[in-house]
Amino acid sequence: MFTGIIEEVGRVRQIRRGSTEAKLVIACSKVLGKNGSLSSDPSYGVPTQIGDSICVNGVCLTVTAMGGGTFTADVMPETFSRSSLAELRPGSPVNLERAMPAWGRFGGHIVSGHIDGTGTIRSLRRDGNAVWFTIDAEDGLVQYIVEKGSIAIDGISLTVAAVTHKPKESSFQVSIIPHTLAATALSAKKAGSTVNLETDIIGKYIHQFMEDK
């Protein structure tokens, strides 16, 4: 499980593509330790190891190799079809977060790293020190998004400021503070960019329960 509090912004160093799948090689420092050494961050108890989970732009991936200040992760066809990872290129910034230990600080909200789909940034509007993002998404996804509720956008835990859920227009808005823009890869996004979305897992379970009644 993750919390949506981004630890650092890494960079895609290499993408090894297959027909429908790929291996990502991501350069970073904090989530693995400086100069590729294993992290000994006491808040996480044990060093990052092969087989551990790291959330990459909101997608839970498994570490398959480490070294030289990078980690490698496989991206399977299902993940490509349901996320924006296929759009990554060498040099692309990515949000990174290690899985939260049971004794860790819960700073955001429950994030599984299993995204529901993608959205498209319709517009960005500055409002004082904040920036408003309007994001279009499929109706079936927006139905799980509620005003003042939580949503993970590219793995970032954010509060929903407004929701539009009506025929031919399904969208929502978030207001981003300067720190979040500076500390995440969201600052590189523009109108037309694709973002990974994970709605509140509690809302999804409640909806499924009511549907089965």
N, C-alpha and C. Protein backbone atom coordinates (compact mmCIF):
# COMPACT_ATOMS: atom_id res chain seq x y z
N MET A 1 0.83 -1.19 0.00
CA MET A 1 0.00 0.00 0.00
C MET A 1 0.87 1.25 0.00
N PHE A 2 0.34 2.31 -0.62
CA PHE A 2 1.03 3.60 -0.68
C PHE A 2 0.14 4.67 -0.07
N THR A 3 0.69 5.87 0.06
CA THR A 3 -0.08 6.97 0.67
C THR A 3 -0.29 8.14 -0.27
N GLY A 4 0.40 8.15 -1.41
CA GLY A 4 0.26 9.28 -2.33
C GLY A 4 1.13 10.46 -1.98
N ILE A 5 2.05 10.28 -1.04
CA ILE A 5 3.03 11.32 -0.71
C ILE A 5 4.32 10.99 -1.45
N ILE A 6 4.62 11.75 -2.49
CA ILE A 6 5.75 11.44 -3.37
C ILE A 6 7.07 11.67 -2.64
N GLU A 7 7.96 10.68 -2.71
CA GLU A 7 9.26 10.80 -2.06
C GLU A 7 10.28 11.55 -2.91
N GLU A 8 10.23 11.30 -4.21
CA GLU A 8 11.15 12.01 -5.10
C GLU A 8 10.68 11.86 -6.54
N VAL A 9 11.23 12.72 -7.39
CA VAL A 9 10.98 12.63 -8.82
C VAL A 9 12.20 11.98 -9.46
N GLY A 10 11.98 10.81 -10.05
CA GLY A 10 13.05 10.13 -10.76
C GLY A 10 13.00 10.46 -12.24
N ARG A 11 13.93 9.89 -12.99
CA ARG A 11 13.99 10.10 -14.45
C ARG A 11 14.11 8.76 -15.15
N VAL A 12 13.34 8.60 -16.21
CA VAL A 12 13.46 7.39 -17.01
C VAL A 12 14.80 7.42 -17.73
N ARG A 13 15.64 6.44 -17.45
CA ARG A 13 16.95 6.39 -18.11
C ARG A 13 16.88 5.56 -19.39
N GLN A 14 16.08 4.50 -19.36
CA GLN A 14 16.02 3.60 -20.52
C GLN A 14 14.68 2.90 -20.55
N ILE A 15 14.18 2.66 -21.76
CA ILE A 15 12.96 1.86 -21.95
C ILE A 15 13.28 0.76 -22.95
N ARG A 16 13.14 -0.48 -22.51
CA ARG A 16 13.37 -1.61 -23.40
C ARG A 16 12.01 -2.16 -23.78
N ARG A 17 11.58 -1.88 -24.98
CA ARG A 17 10.23 -2.21 -25.42
C ARG A 17 10.15 -3.56 -26.11
N GLY A 18 9.06 -4.27 -25.81
CA GLY A 18 8.70 -5.45 -26.56
C GLY A 18 7.50 -5.10 -27.43
N SER A 19 6.77 -6.08 -27.87
CA SER A 19 5.61 -5.81 -28.72
C SER A 19 4.49 -5.14 -27.94
N THR A 20 4.24 -5.61 -26.72
CA THR A 20 3.18 -5.03 -25.90
C THR A 20 3.61 -4.77 -24.46
N GLU A 21 4.88 -5.03 -24.18
CA GLU A 21 5.36 -4.86 -22.81
C GLU A 21 6.69 -4.12 -22.83
N ALA A 22 7.24 -3.83 -21.66
CA ALA A 22 8.50 -3.09 -21.61
C ALA A 22 9.18 -3.28 -20.27
N LYS A 23 10.47 -2.95 -20.23
CA LYS A 23 11.22 -2.82 -18.99
C LYS A 23 11.60 -1.36 -18.84
N LEU A 24 11.33 -0.80 -17.67
CA LEU A 24 11.71 0.58 -17.39
C LEU A 24 12.94 0.59 -16.50
N VAL A 25 13.90 1.41 -16.86
CA VAL A 25 15.06 1.64 -16.01
C VAL A 25 14.97 3.09 -15.54
N ILE A 26 14.86 3.27 -14.23
CA ILE A 26 14.59 4.60 -13.67
C ILE A 26 15.73 5.03 -12.76
N ALA A 27 16.26 6.20 -13.03
CA ALA A 27 17.32 6.77 -12.20
C ALA A 27 16.69 7.53 -11.03
N CYS A 28 17.24 7.31 -9.83
CA CYS A 28 16.70 7.95 -8.64
C CYS A 28 17.78 7.96 -7.57
N SER A 29 17.48 8.55 -6.42
CA SER A 29 18.45 8.55 -5.33
C SER A 29 17.81 8.14 -4.01
N LYS A 30 16.75 8.83 -3.60
CA LYS A 30 16.20 8.60 -2.27
C LYS A 30 15.60 7.21 -2.10
N VAL A 31 14.82 6.74 -3.09
CA VAL A 31 14.13 5.47 -2.88
C VAL A 31 15.07 4.27 -2.90
N LEU A 32 16.30 4.45 -3.40
CA LEU A 32 17.27 3.37 -3.38
C LEU A 32 18.52 3.72 -2.57
N GLY A 33 18.73 4.99 -2.32
CA GLY A 33 19.93 5.43 -1.64
C GLY A 33 20.88 6.10 -2.61
N LYS A 34 21.74 6.98 -2.14
CA LYS A 34 22.66 7.72 -3.00
C LYS A 34 23.60 6.78 -3.74
N ASN A 35 23.87 7.14 -4.97
CA ASN A 35 24.82 6.42 -5.82
C ASN A 35 24.47 4.94 -5.98
N GLY A 36 23.16 4.66 -5.89
CA GLY A 36 22.71 3.30 -6.15
C GLY A 36 22.81 2.36 -4.96
N SER A 37 23.32 2.86 -3.82
CA SER A 37 23.37 1.99 -2.64
C SER A 37 21.98 1.79 -2.09
N LEU A 38 21.79 0.72 -1.33
CA LEU A 38 20.47 0.45 -0.79
C LEU A 38 20.11 1.46 0.29
N SER A 39 18.84 1.82 0.32
CA SER A 39 18.38 2.79 1.30
C SER A 39 18.36 2.19 2.69
N SER A 40 18.79 2.97 3.68
CA SER A 40 18.70 2.54 5.07
C SER A 40 17.85 3.53 5.86
N ASP A 41 16.92 4.19 5.20
CA ASP A 41 16.02 5.13 5.84
C ASP A 41 15.33 4.44 7.01
N PRO A 42 15.56 4.91 8.26
CA PRO A 42 15.00 4.21 9.42
C PRO A 42 13.49 4.20 9.44
N SER A 43 12.85 5.16 8.77
CA SER A 43 11.39 5.19 8.77
C SER A 43 10.81 4.04 7.96
N TYR A 44 11.66 3.39 7.16
CA TYR A 44 11.20 2.26 6.35
C TYR A 44 11.74 0.93 6.86
N GLY A 45 12.54 0.96 7.91
CA GLY A 45 12.93 -0.26 8.60
C GLY A 45 13.99 -1.09 7.90
N VAL A 46 13.76 -1.50 6.66
CA VAL A 46 14.68 -2.37 5.95
C VAL A 46 15.02 -1.75 4.60
N PRO A 47 16.19 -2.09 4.04
CA PRO A 47 16.57 -1.53 2.74
C PRO A 47 15.63 -2.00 1.63
N THR A 48 15.56 -1.21 0.56
CA THR A 48 14.82 -1.62 -0.63
C THR A 48 15.53 -2.83 -1.24
N GLN A 49 14.75 -3.81 -1.64
CA GLN A 49 15.31 -5.04 -2.17
C GLN A 49 14.60 -5.42 -3.48
N ILE A 50 15.25 -6.28 -4.25
CA ILE A 50 14.59 -6.83 -5.43
C ILE A 50 13.32 -7.56 -4.99
N GLY A 51 12.23 -7.29 -5.68
CA GLY A 51 10.94 -7.85 -5.31
C GLY A 51 10.05 -6.87 -4.57
N ASP A 52 10.64 -5.76 -4.11
CA ASP A 52 9.84 -4.73 -3.44
C ASP A 52 8.99 -3.96 -4.44
N SER A 53 7.99 -3.27 -3.93
CA SER A 53 7.09 -2.46 -4.77
C SER A 53 7.46 -0.98 -4.68
N ILE A 54 7.47 -0.34 -5.83
CA ILE A 54 7.64 1.12 -5.91
C ILE A 54 6.54 1.65 -6.82
N CYS A 55 5.87 2.69 -6.36
CA CYS A 55 4.81 3.31 -7.15
C CYS A 55 5.43 4.30 -8.12
N VAL A 56 5.21 4.09 -9.42
CA VAL A 56 5.79 4.93 -10.47
C VAL A 56 4.64 5.62 -11.20
N ASN A 57 4.53 6.92 -11.01
CA ASN A 57 3.40 7.68 -11.59
C ASN A 57 2.06 7.03 -11.26
N GLY A 58 1.96 6.54 -10.03
CA GLY A 58 0.70 5.96 -9.58
C GLY A 58 0.53 4.49 -9.84
N VAL A 59 1.49 3.87 -10.54
CA VAL A 59 1.39 2.45 -10.89
C VAL A 59 2.35 1.64 -10.02
N CYS A 60 1.82 0.65 -9.34
CA CYS A 60 2.65 -0.21 -8.50
C CYS A 60 3.47 -1.15 -9.39
N LEU A 61 4.80 -1.02 -9.32
CA LEU A 61 5.70 -1.87 -10.10
C LEU A 61 6.65 -2.61 -9.16
N THR A 62 7.13 -3.75 -9.61
CA THR A 62 8.04 -4.57 -8.81
C THR A 62 9.47 -4.36 -9.24
N VAL A 63 10.34 -4.11 -8.29
CA VAL A 63 11.77 -3.94 -8.57
C VAL A 63 12.36 -5.28 -8.97
N THR A 64 12.94 -5.33 -10.17
CA THR A 64 13.54 -6.58 -10.66
C THR A 64 15.06 -6.53 -10.71
N ALA A 65 15.63 -5.34 -10.65
CA ALA A 65 17.09 -5.19 -10.64
C ALA A 65 17.43 -3.80 -10.11
N MET A 66 18.63 -3.67 -9.55
CA MET A 66 19.11 -2.38 -9.04
C MET A 66 20.59 -2.25 -9.32
N GLY A 67 21.04 -1.00 -9.43
CA GLY A 67 22.46 -0.76 -9.60
C GLY A 67 22.73 0.52 -10.37
N GLY A 68 23.85 1.16 -10.07
CA GLY A 68 24.22 2.37 -10.78
C GLY A 68 23.24 3.51 -10.60
N GLY A 69 22.61 3.58 -9.42
CA GLY A 69 21.65 4.64 -9.17
C GLY A 69 20.34 4.48 -9.90
N THR A 70 20.00 3.22 -10.26
CA THR A 70 18.75 2.96 -10.99
C THR A 70 18.07 1.72 -10.42
N PHE A 71 16.80 1.57 -10.75
CA PHE A 71 16.11 0.30 -10.56
C PHE A 71 15.36 -0.03 -11.84
N THR A 72 15.14 -1.31 -12.06
CA THR A 72 14.45 -1.79 -13.25
C THR A 72 13.14 -2.43 -12.84
N ALA A 73 12.10 -2.21 -13.66
CA ALA A 73 10.79 -2.81 -13.39
C ALA A 73 10.14 -3.23 -14.70
N ASP A 74 9.44 -4.36 -14.66
CA ASP A 74 8.70 -4.82 -15.83
C ASP A 74 7.34 -4.15 -15.88
N VAL A 75 6.90 -3.82 -17.10
CA VAL A 75 5.55 -3.29 -17.32
C VAL A 75 4.85 -4.26 -18.26
N MET A 76 3.79 -4.91 -17.76
CA MET A 76 3.10 -5.92 -18.57
C MET A 76 2.05 -5.28 -19.46
N PRO A 77 1.55 -6.02 -20.46
CA PRO A 77 0.59 -5.46 -21.41
C PRO A 77 -0.64 -4.83 -20.76
N GLU A 78 -1.18 -5.47 -19.71
CA GLU A 78 -2.36 -4.93 -19.03
C GLU A 78 -2.08 -3.54 -18.47
N THR A 79 -0.87 -3.36 -17.90
CA THR A 79 -0.50 -2.07 -17.33
C THR A 79 -0.37 -1.02 -18.42
N PHE A 80 0.23 -1.39 -19.54
CA PHE A 80 0.34 -0.46 -20.67
C PHE A 80 -1.03 -0.01 -21.15
N SER A 81 -1.98 -0.94 -21.23
CA SER A 81 -3.29 -0.61 -21.79
C SER A 81 -4.13 0.24 -20.85
N ARG A 82 -3.81 0.21 -19.53
CA ARG A 82 -4.63 0.92 -18.56
C ARG A 82 -3.96 2.16 -17.98
N SER A 83 -2.76 2.50 -18.47
CA SER A 83 -2.01 3.61 -17.87
C SER A 83 -1.34 4.47 -18.94
N SER A 84 -0.68 5.52 -18.45
CA SER A 84 0.04 6.41 -19.36
C SER A 84 1.52 6.05 -19.46
N LEU A 85 1.92 4.92 -18.88
CA LEU A 85 3.34 4.56 -18.90
C LEU A 85 3.86 4.35 -20.32
N ALA A 86 2.99 3.99 -21.25
CA ALA A 86 3.42 3.79 -22.64
C ALA A 86 3.90 5.09 -23.27
N GLU A 87 3.53 6.23 -22.68
CA GLU A 87 3.93 7.53 -23.23
C GLU A 87 5.28 8.00 -22.72
N LEU A 88 5.86 7.28 -21.76
CA LEU A 88 7.14 7.70 -21.21
C LEU A 88 8.26 7.57 -22.25
N ARG A 89 9.22 8.45 -22.12
CA ARG A 89 10.39 8.46 -22.98
C ARG A 89 11.64 8.62 -22.11
N PRO A 90 12.83 8.26 -22.61
CA PRO A 90 14.04 8.52 -21.83
C PRO A 90 14.11 10.01 -21.44
N GLY A 91 14.34 10.25 -20.16
CA GLY A 91 14.38 11.61 -19.65
C GLY A 91 13.08 12.07 -19.00
N SER A 92 11.99 11.32 -19.22
CA SER A 92 10.71 11.70 -18.63
C SER A 92 10.80 11.67 -17.10
N PRO A 93 10.26 12.69 -16.42
CA PRO A 93 10.21 12.65 -14.96
C PRO A 93 9.07 11.76 -14.49
N VAL A 94 9.29 11.05 -13.38
CA VAL A 94 8.26 10.17 -12.84
C VAL A 94 8.20 10.32 -11.32
N ASN A 95 6.99 10.28 -10.79
CA ASN A 95 6.79 10.33 -9.34
C ASN A 95 7.09 8.96 -8.74
N LEU A 96 7.83 8.94 -7.63
CA LEU A 96 8.22 7.69 -7.00
C LEU A 96 7.84 7.67 -5.52
N GLU A 97 7.31 6.54 -5.09
CA GLU A 97 7.01 6.33 -3.67
C GLU A 97 7.18 4.86 -3.34
N ARG A 98 7.91 4.57 -2.27
CA ARG A 98 8.02 3.19 -1.79
C ARG A 98 6.74 2.79 -1.06
N ALA A 99 6.49 1.49 -1.00
CA ALA A 99 5.34 1.00 -0.24
C ALA A 99 5.51 1.39 1.22
N MET A 100 4.39 1.72 1.87
CA MET A 100 4.42 2.17 3.25
C MET A 100 4.49 1.00 4.21
N PRO A 101 5.41 1.02 5.17
CA PRO A 101 5.43 -0.04 6.17
C PRO A 101 4.28 0.13 7.15
N ALA A 102 3.93 -0.93 7.86
CA ALA A 102 2.79 -0.89 8.78
C ALA A 102 2.99 0.15 9.87
N TRP A 103 4.25 0.46 10.19
CA TRP A 103 4.53 1.41 11.28
C TRP A 103 4.81 2.83 10.72
N GLY A 104 4.61 3.01 9.42
CA GLY A 104 4.94 4.29 8.81
C GLY A 104 3.89 5.37 9.06
N ARG A 105 4.24 6.60 8.71
CA ARG A 105 3.34 7.73 8.85
C ARG A 105 2.37 7.77 7.68
N PHE A 106 1.09 7.89 7.97
CA PHE A 106 0.06 7.91 6.93
C PHE A 106 -0.24 9.36 6.57
N GLY A 107 0.49 9.89 5.58
CA GLY A 107 0.37 11.30 5.26
C GLY A 107 -0.68 11.66 4.23
N GLY A 108 -1.08 10.71 3.39
CA GLY A 108 -2.04 11.02 2.32
C GLY A 108 -3.34 10.26 2.51
N HIS A 109 -3.62 9.32 1.60
CA HIS A 109 -4.78 8.45 1.75
C HIS A 109 -4.41 7.06 1.24
N ILE A 110 -5.32 6.11 1.35
CA ILE A 110 -5.03 4.74 0.92
C ILE A 110 -4.89 4.70 -0.60
N VAL A 111 -3.70 4.37 -1.08
CA VAL A 111 -3.42 4.27 -2.51
C VAL A 111 -2.89 2.86 -2.77
N SER A 112 -3.54 2.14 -3.65
CA SER A 112 -3.14 0.75 -3.92
C SER A 112 -2.08 0.65 -5.01
N GLY A 113 -2.01 1.65 -5.87
CA GLY A 113 -1.10 1.55 -7.02
C GLY A 113 -1.72 0.79 -8.17
N HIS A 114 -3.01 0.46 -8.05
CA HIS A 114 -3.76 -0.23 -9.12
C HIS A 114 -4.71 0.80 -9.72
N ILE A 115 -4.27 1.49 -10.75
CA ILE A 115 -5.03 2.62 -11.25
C ILE A 115 -6.31 2.17 -11.95
N ASP A 116 -7.28 3.07 -11.97
CA ASP A 116 -8.57 2.78 -12.59
C ASP A 116 -8.60 3.14 -14.07
N GLY A 117 -7.73 4.03 -14.48
CA GLY A 117 -7.71 4.47 -15.87
C GLY A 117 -6.92 5.77 -15.97
N THR A 118 -7.11 6.46 -17.05
CA THR A 118 -6.39 7.71 -17.27
C THR A 118 -7.36 8.86 -17.48
N GLY A 119 -6.84 10.06 -17.30
CA GLY A 119 -7.59 11.28 -17.60
C GLY A 119 -6.74 12.18 -18.46
N THR A 120 -7.36 13.20 -19.02
CA THR A 120 -6.65 14.16 -19.86
C THR A 120 -6.80 15.55 -19.27
N ILE A 121 -5.69 16.22 -19.08
CA ILE A 121 -5.73 17.58 -18.55
C ILE A 121 -6.35 18.51 -19.59
N ARG A 122 -7.49 19.08 -19.25
CA ARG A 122 -8.16 19.99 -20.18
C ARG A 122 -7.56 21.39 -20.10
N SER A 123 -7.30 21.86 -18.88
CA SER A 123 -6.79 23.22 -18.73
C SER A 123 -6.07 23.38 -17.41
N LEU A 124 -5.21 24.40 -17.35
CA LEU A 124 -4.54 24.81 -16.12
C LEU A 124 -4.81 26.30 -15.93
N ARG A 125 -5.17 26.69 -14.71
CA ARG A 125 -5.50 28.09 -14.44
C ARG A 125 -4.87 28.51 -13.12
N ARG A 126 -4.07 29.59 -13.18
CA ARG A 126 -3.43 30.07 -11.96
C ARG A 126 -4.42 30.85 -11.12
N ASP A 127 -4.37 30.63 -9.81
CA ASP A 127 -5.25 31.32 -8.87
C ASP A 127 -4.43 31.66 -7.64
N GLY A 128 -3.87 32.88 -7.62
CA GLY A 128 -2.97 33.25 -6.53
C GLY A 128 -1.72 32.39 -6.57
N ASN A 129 -1.43 31.71 -5.46
CA ASN A 129 -0.23 30.86 -5.42
C ASN A 129 -0.52 29.43 -5.86
N ALA A 130 -1.76 29.15 -6.22
CA ALA A 130 -2.15 27.79 -6.62
C ALA A 130 -2.42 27.71 -8.12
N VAL A 131 -2.49 26.47 -8.61
CA VAL A 131 -2.85 26.23 -10.01
C VAL A 131 -4.00 25.24 -10.03
N TRP A 132 -5.08 25.60 -10.71
CA TRP A 132 -6.23 24.72 -10.87
C TRP A 132 -6.04 23.84 -12.10
N PHE A 133 -6.21 22.53 -11.91
CA PHE A 133 -6.17 21.57 -13.01
C PHE A 133 -7.58 21.06 -13.24
N THR A 134 -8.06 21.16 -14.47
CA THR A 134 -9.32 20.55 -14.86
C THR A 134 -9.00 19.31 -15.67
N ILE A 135 -9.51 18.17 -15.25
CA ILE A 135 -9.15 16.90 -15.85
C ILE A 135 -10.39 16.17 -16.34
N ASP A 136 -10.40 15.83 -17.62
CA ASP A 136 -11.50 15.05 -18.21
C ASP A 136 -11.22 13.57 -18.01
N ALA A 137 -12.28 12.81 -17.72
CA ALA A 137 -12.15 11.37 -17.54
C ALA A 137 -13.45 10.70 -17.94
N GLU A 138 -13.39 9.40 -18.12
CA GLU A 138 -14.59 8.66 -18.51
C GLU A 138 -15.65 8.74 -17.43
N ASP A 139 -16.91 8.71 -17.87
CA ASP A 139 -18.03 8.79 -16.95
C ASP A 139 -17.99 7.70 -15.89
N GLY A 140 -17.61 6.49 -16.30
CA GLY A 140 -17.56 5.37 -15.37
C GLY A 140 -16.52 5.55 -14.29
N LEU A 141 -15.54 6.39 -14.52
CA LEU A 141 -14.51 6.65 -13.53
C LEU A 141 -14.91 7.83 -12.64
N VAL A 142 -15.47 8.88 -13.26
CA VAL A 142 -15.85 10.08 -12.51
C VAL A 142 -16.94 9.79 -11.50
N GLN A 143 -17.73 8.75 -11.72
CA GLN A 143 -18.80 8.43 -10.77
C GLN A 143 -18.27 8.08 -9.38
N TYR A 144 -17.00 7.70 -9.29
CA TYR A 144 -16.39 7.38 -8.01
C TYR A 144 -15.67 8.58 -7.37
N ILE A 145 -15.68 9.72 -8.05
CA ILE A 145 -14.97 10.90 -7.56
C ILE A 145 -15.96 11.84 -6.91
N VAL A 146 -15.67 12.25 -5.68
CA VAL A 146 -16.59 13.12 -4.94
C VAL A 146 -15.86 14.38 -4.48
N GLU A 147 -16.59 15.49 -4.46
CA GLU A 147 -16.02 16.75 -4.01
C GLU A 147 -15.53 16.63 -2.57
N LYS A 148 -14.33 17.14 -2.34
CA LYS A 148 -13.62 17.09 -1.06
C LYS A 148 -13.15 15.69 -0.70
N GLY A 149 -13.33 14.75 -1.62
CA GLY A 149 -12.78 13.42 -1.42
C GLY A 149 -11.34 13.35 -1.91
N SER A 150 -10.77 12.17 -1.86
CA SER A 150 -9.37 11.99 -2.26
C SER A 150 -9.27 11.33 -3.62
N ILE A 151 -8.22 11.68 -4.34
CA ILE A 151 -7.90 11.01 -5.60
C ILE A 151 -6.39 11.01 -5.77
N ALA A 152 -5.86 9.96 -6.40
CA ALA A 152 -4.43 9.90 -6.71
C ALA A 152 -4.26 10.21 -8.19
N ILE A 153 -3.51 11.27 -8.49
CA ILE A 153 -3.20 11.67 -9.86
C ILE A 153 -1.71 11.45 -10.08
N ASP A 154 -1.38 10.52 -10.97
CA ASP A 154 0.03 10.12 -11.16
C ASP A 154 0.67 9.77 -9.82
N GLY A 155 -0.13 9.15 -8.94
CA GLY A 155 0.39 8.71 -7.65
C GLY A 155 0.38 9.75 -6.56
N ILE A 156 -0.08 10.97 -6.85
CA ILE A 156 -0.07 12.06 -5.88
C ILE A 156 -1.42 12.12 -5.17
N SER A 157 -1.41 12.08 -3.86
CA SER A 157 -2.65 12.19 -3.09
C SER A 157 -3.13 13.64 -3.12
N LEU A 158 -4.33 13.85 -3.69
CA LEU A 158 -4.87 15.20 -3.83
C LEU A 158 -6.33 15.23 -3.40
N THR A 159 -6.80 16.42 -3.05
CA THR A 159 -8.19 16.62 -2.66
C THR A 159 -8.98 17.14 -3.85
N VAL A 160 -10.12 16.52 -4.12
CA VAL A 160 -10.99 16.94 -5.22
C VAL A 160 -11.69 18.24 -4.84
N ALA A 161 -11.56 19.25 -5.68
CA ALA A 161 -12.17 20.55 -5.39
C ALA A 161 -13.55 20.69 -6.00
N ALA A 162 -13.79 20.06 -7.15
CA ALA A 162 -15.08 20.15 -7.82
C ALA A 162 -15.22 18.98 -8.78
N VAL A 163 -16.48 18.58 -9.02
CA VAL A 163 -16.76 17.47 -9.93
C VAL A 163 -17.89 17.86 -10.86
N THR A 164 -17.74 17.57 -12.14
CA THR A 164 -18.81 17.73 -13.12
C THR A 164 -19.14 16.36 -13.66
N HIS A 165 -20.36 15.91 -13.39
CA HIS A 165 -20.76 14.56 -13.80
C HIS A 165 -22.13 14.64 -14.46
N LYS A 166 -22.11 14.90 -15.75
CA LYS A 166 -23.35 15.01 -16.50
C LYS A 166 -23.12 14.50 -17.92
N PRO A 167 -24.18 14.23 -18.69
CA PRO A 167 -24.00 13.69 -20.04
C PRO A 167 -23.04 14.52 -20.88
N LYS A 168 -22.09 13.83 -21.51
CA LYS A 168 -21.11 14.42 -22.42
C LYS A 168 -20.10 15.33 -21.74
N GLU A 169 -20.11 15.37 -20.41
CA GLU A 169 -19.09 16.15 -19.71
C GLU A 169 -18.81 15.54 -18.34
N SER A 170 -17.75 14.77 -18.28
CA SER A 170 -17.32 14.18 -17.03
C SER A 170 -15.92 14.67 -16.73
N SER A 171 -15.80 15.44 -15.67
CA SER A 171 -14.50 16.02 -15.33
C SER A 171 -14.45 16.34 -13.85
N PHE A 172 -13.27 16.68 -13.37
CA PHE A 172 -13.11 17.12 -11.99
C PHE A 172 -11.96 18.11 -11.93
N GLN A 173 -11.86 18.82 -10.81
CA GLN A 173 -10.82 19.82 -10.64
C GLN A 173 -10.07 19.60 -9.33
N VAL A 174 -8.79 19.91 -9.36
CA VAL A 174 -7.97 19.94 -8.15
C VAL A 174 -7.18 21.24 -8.16
N SER A 175 -6.88 21.74 -6.98
CA SER A 175 -6.09 22.96 -6.84
C SER A 175 -4.75 22.57 -6.24
N ILE A 176 -3.67 22.88 -6.94
CA ILE A 176 -2.33 22.42 -6.57
C ILE A 176 -1.52 23.54 -5.94
N ILE A 177 -0.98 23.29 -4.75
CA ILE A 177 -0.16 24.29 -4.08
C ILE A 177 1.26 24.28 -4.66
N PRO A 178 2.03 25.36 -4.45
CA PRO A 178 3.38 25.44 -5.02
C PRO A 178 4.28 24.28 -4.61
N HIS A 179 4.21 23.82 -3.35
CA HIS A 179 5.09 22.74 -2.90
C HIS A 179 4.85 21.47 -3.71
N THR A 180 3.58 21.14 -3.96
CA THR A 180 3.26 19.93 -4.71
C THR A 180 3.79 20.01 -6.14
N LEU A 181 3.65 21.19 -6.75
CA LEU A 181 4.18 21.36 -8.10
C LEU A 181 5.70 21.22 -8.12
N ALA A 182 6.36 21.76 -7.09
CA ALA A 182 7.82 21.73 -7.05
C ALA A 182 8.36 20.34 -6.72
N ALA A 183 7.60 19.57 -5.95
CA ALA A 183 8.09 18.28 -5.44
C ALA A 183 7.63 17.08 -6.25
N THR A 184 6.88 17.31 -7.33
CA THR A 184 6.38 16.20 -8.14
C THR A 184 6.58 16.49 -9.62
N ALA A 185 6.29 15.47 -10.45
CA ALA A 185 6.40 15.63 -11.90
C ALA A 185 5.19 16.32 -12.50
N LEU A 186 4.24 16.72 -11.65
CA LEU A 186 3.04 17.39 -12.16
C LEU A 186 3.39 18.73 -12.81
N SER A 187 4.50 19.32 -12.40
CA SER A 187 4.91 20.61 -12.98
C SER A 187 5.25 20.49 -14.46
N ALA A 188 5.54 19.27 -14.94
CA ALA A 188 5.88 19.07 -16.35
C ALA A 188 4.66 18.84 -17.22
N LYS A 189 3.48 18.72 -16.60
CA LYS A 189 2.27 18.45 -17.35
C LYS A 189 1.68 19.72 -17.95
N LYS A 190 1.01 19.55 -19.10
CA LYS A 190 0.39 20.66 -19.80
C LYS A 190 -1.02 20.25 -20.23
N ALA A 191 -1.78 21.20 -20.75
CA ALA A 191 -3.09 20.87 -21.30
C ALA A 191 -2.90 19.83 -22.40
N GLY A 192 -3.68 18.77 -22.33
CA GLY A 192 -3.55 17.67 -23.29
C GLY A 192 -2.75 16.50 -22.77
N SER A 193 -2.04 16.68 -21.64
CA SER A 193 -1.25 15.59 -21.07
C SER A 193 -2.17 14.53 -20.46
N THR A 194 -1.70 13.29 -20.50
CA THR A 194 -2.43 12.18 -19.90
C THR A 194 -1.90 11.92 -18.50
N VAL A 195 -2.82 11.65 -17.57
CA VAL A 195 -2.42 11.34 -16.19
C VAL A 195 -3.11 10.06 -15.73
N ASN A 196 -2.44 9.32 -14.86
CA ASN A 196 -3.01 8.11 -14.29
C ASN A 196 -3.91 8.49 -13.11
N LEU A 197 -5.06 7.83 -13.02
CA LEU A 197 -6.02 8.14 -11.97
C LEU A 197 -6.37 6.90 -11.16
N GLU A 198 -6.37 7.05 -9.85
CA GLU A 198 -6.87 6.01 -8.95
C GLU A 198 -7.86 6.65 -8.00
N THR A 199 -9.11 6.25 -8.07
CA THR A 199 -10.13 6.81 -7.20
C THR A 199 -10.06 6.16 -5.82
N ASP A 200 -10.83 6.72 -4.89
CA ASP A 200 -10.83 6.26 -3.50
C ASP A 200 -11.29 4.81 -3.41
N ILE A 201 -10.44 3.94 -2.91
CA ILE A 201 -10.74 2.51 -2.86
C ILE A 201 -11.95 2.22 -1.98
N ILE A 202 -12.17 3.01 -0.93
CA ILE A 202 -13.31 2.78 -0.06
C ILE A 202 -14.62 3.02 -0.82
N GLY A 203 -14.65 4.09 -1.61
CA GLY A 203 -15.84 4.38 -2.42
C GLY A 203 -16.14 3.28 -3.42
N LYS A 204 -15.09 2.70 -4.00
CA LYS A 204 -15.29 1.62 -4.97
C LYS A 204 -15.89 0.38 -4.32
N TYR A 205 -15.41 0.05 -3.14
CA TYR A 205 -15.95 -1.11 -2.44
C TYR A 205 -17.40 -0.90 -2.04
N ILE A 206 -17.72 0.31 -1.56
CA ILE A 206 -19.11 0.60 -1.18
C ILE A 206 -20.01 0.51 -2.40
N HIS A 207 -19.54 1.07 -3.53
CA HIS A 207 -20.35 1.03 -4.76
C HIS A 207 -20.58 -0.42 -5.19
N GLN A 208 -19.55 -1.24 -5.15
CA GLN A 208 -19.69 -2.63 -5.55
C GLN A 208 -20.64 -3.40 -4.62
N PHE A 209 -20.53 -3.10 -3.34
CA PHE A 209 -21.41 -3.74 -2.37
C PHE A 209 -22.88 -3.41 -2.64
N MET A 210 -23.15 -2.13 -2.92
CA MET A 210 -24.53 -1.71 -3.18
C MET A 210 -25.04 -2.29 -4.48
N GLU A 211 -24.17 -2.42 -5.48
CA GLU A 211 -24.57 -3.00 -6.76
C GLU A 211 -24.95 -4.48 -6.61
N ASP A 212 -24.29 -5.16 -5.66
CA ASP A 212 -24.54 -6.58 -5.47
C ASP A 212 -25.74 -6.86 -4.59
N LYS A 213 -26.29 -5.82 -3.97
CA LYS A 213 -27.43 -6.02 -3.06
C LYS A 213 -28.67 -6.48 -3.83
